[in-house]
Amino acid sequence: MGTTAPTRKASSPPRAAASHAAQPEPVRESPKGDLGISALWVPTFAGAAMAAYSPKAGMAVGCATLVSSVIWKKGWMWWFVGCVILIVALLSYSNKRQGSENETTQTG
């Protein structure tokens, strides 16, 4: 009546971990067109300044930015840029229009 102890398989070191440690990490390169969100501040401020100076041109640029972001399937950041430019242009246009209406009512 021999009782045998349960046999345990000898555990070998995990090969995947050993082979993974021997391989160098791949270098992650970003595509040339991907500059990040910080690069979009320049077109946002430039477009907003142009929209404040010339509201009709700002509306055209804002709409063009939105249309191009749809056609070329850009990310949400380009939608943000187009919306900011368009909103500033609309507010500036409304402000200039109200200012010209006030001048005509005061003189007449």
Protein backbone atom coordinates (compact mmCIF):
# COMPACT_ATOMS: atom_id res chain seq x y z
CA MET A 1 0.00 0.00 0.00
CA GLY A 2 2.07 2.65 -1.14
CA THR A 3 0.77 6.09 -1.24
CA THR A 4 2.33 8.21 -3.80
CA ALA A 5 2.66 11.88 -3.44
CA PRO A 6 1.00 13.91 -6.13
CA THR A 7 3.45 14.66 -8.82
CA ARG A 8 4.18 18.24 -9.67
CA LYS A 9 5.36 19.29 -13.00
CA ALA A 10 8.58 21.16 -12.91
CA SER A 11 7.85 24.75 -13.63
CA SER A 12 10.03 26.17 -16.32
CA PRO A 13 10.59 29.89 -16.69
CA PRO A 14 8.02 31.48 -18.96
CA ARG A 15 9.47 31.62 -22.41
CA ALA A 16 7.33 34.52 -23.55
CA ALA A 17 8.66 36.76 -20.81
CA ALA A 18 12.25 35.73 -21.45
CA SER A 19 12.00 36.26 -25.19
CA HIS A 20 10.12 39.54 -24.71
CA ALA A 21 12.82 40.85 -22.39
CA ALA A 22 15.50 40.06 -24.95
CA GLN A 23 13.76 42.01 -27.71
CA PRO A 24 14.15 45.79 -27.72
CA GLU A 25 11.05 47.98 -27.47
CA PRO A 26 9.87 49.22 -30.86
CA VAL A 27 10.28 52.94 -31.33
CA ARG A 28 6.90 54.59 -31.69
CA GLU A 29 6.94 57.24 -34.37
CA SER A 30 4.05 59.56 -34.96
CA PRO A 31 2.82 60.19 -38.48
CA LYS A 32 4.04 63.37 -40.15
CA GLY A 33 0.60 65.01 -40.10
CA ASP A 34 -0.05 64.36 -36.41
CA LEU A 35 1.23 67.39 -34.50
CA GLY A 36 -1.08 67.23 -31.50
CA ILE A 37 -3.52 69.61 -29.93
CA SER A 38 -0.97 72.31 -29.15
CA ALA A 39 -0.38 72.88 -32.87
CA LEU A 40 -4.03 73.84 -33.35
CA TRP A 41 -3.83 76.94 -31.16
CA VAL A 42 -2.18 78.91 -33.96
CA PRO A 43 -5.00 78.42 -36.52
CA THR A 44 -7.59 78.93 -33.79
CA PHE A 45 -6.19 82.29 -32.68
CA ALA A 46 -5.39 83.40 -36.23
CA GLY A 47 -8.87 82.48 -37.43
CA ALA A 48 -10.54 84.14 -34.45
CA ALA A 49 -8.53 87.34 -34.97
CA MET A 50 -9.41 87.38 -38.65
CA ALA A 51 -13.07 86.72 -37.83
CA ALA A 52 -13.10 89.66 -35.41
CA TYR A 53 -11.57 91.93 -38.06
CA SER A 54 -13.68 90.73 -41.00
CA PRO A 55 -16.73 88.72 -39.89
CA LYS A 56 -17.77 87.64 -43.41
CA ALA A 57 -14.31 86.27 -44.17
CA GLY A 58 -14.33 84.59 -40.75
CA MET A 59 -17.62 82.88 -41.54
CA ALA A 60 -16.17 81.63 -44.82
CA VAL A 61 -13.01 80.30 -43.15
CA GLY A 62 -14.96 78.71 -40.29
CA CYS A 63 -17.33 76.97 -42.70
CA ALA A 64 -14.43 75.88 -44.90
CA THR A 65 -12.67 74.41 -41.87
CA LEU A 66 -15.78 72.47 -40.88
CA VAL A 67 -16.39 71.21 -44.42
CA SER A 68 -12.76 70.15 -44.86
CA SER A 69 -12.81 68.32 -41.52
CA VAL A 70 -15.82 66.35 -42.77
CA ILE A 71 -14.38 65.61 -46.22
CA TRP A 72 -10.92 64.56 -45.03
CA LYS A 73 -12.27 62.95 -41.82
CA LYS A 74 -10.17 64.98 -39.42
CA GLY A 75 -10.49 64.57 -35.67
CA TRP A 76 -12.57 66.50 -33.17
CA MET A 77 -9.84 69.10 -32.82
CA TRP A 78 -10.47 70.49 -36.31
CA TRP A 79 -14.19 70.59 -35.57
CA PHE A 80 -13.34 72.67 -32.50
CA VAL A 81 -11.19 75.07 -34.56
CA GLY A 82 -13.94 75.54 -37.16
CA CYS A 83 -16.63 76.08 -34.53
CA VAL A 84 -14.54 78.64 -32.61
CA ILE A 85 -13.82 80.62 -35.77
CA LEU A 86 -17.46 80.49 -36.84
CA ILE A 87 -18.77 81.53 -33.41
CA VAL A 88 -16.36 84.47 -33.18
CA ALA A 89 -17.33 85.54 -36.72
CA LEU A 90 -21.05 85.36 -35.95
CA LEU A 91 -20.67 87.28 -32.70
CA SER A 92 -18.53 89.92 -34.37
CA TYR A 93 -20.96 90.22 -37.28
CA SER A 94 -23.90 90.60 -34.88
CA ASN A 95 -22.01 93.20 -32.85
CA LYS A 96 -21.06 95.25 -35.91
CA ARG A 97 -24.61 95.03 -37.25
CA GLN A 98 -26.12 96.22 -33.97
CA GLY A 99 -23.56 99.03 -33.82
CA SER A 100 -24.50 100.25 -37.30
CA GLU A 101 -28.23 100.09 -36.43
CA ASN A 102 -27.65 102.18 -33.30
CA GLU A 103 -25.81 104.82 -35.33
CA THR A 104 -28.66 105.12 -37.83
CA THR A 105 -31.33 105.44 -35.11
CA GLN A 106 -29.35 108.09 -33.26
CA THR A 107 -28.79 110.26 -36.32
CA GLY A 108 -32.34 109.93 -37.67
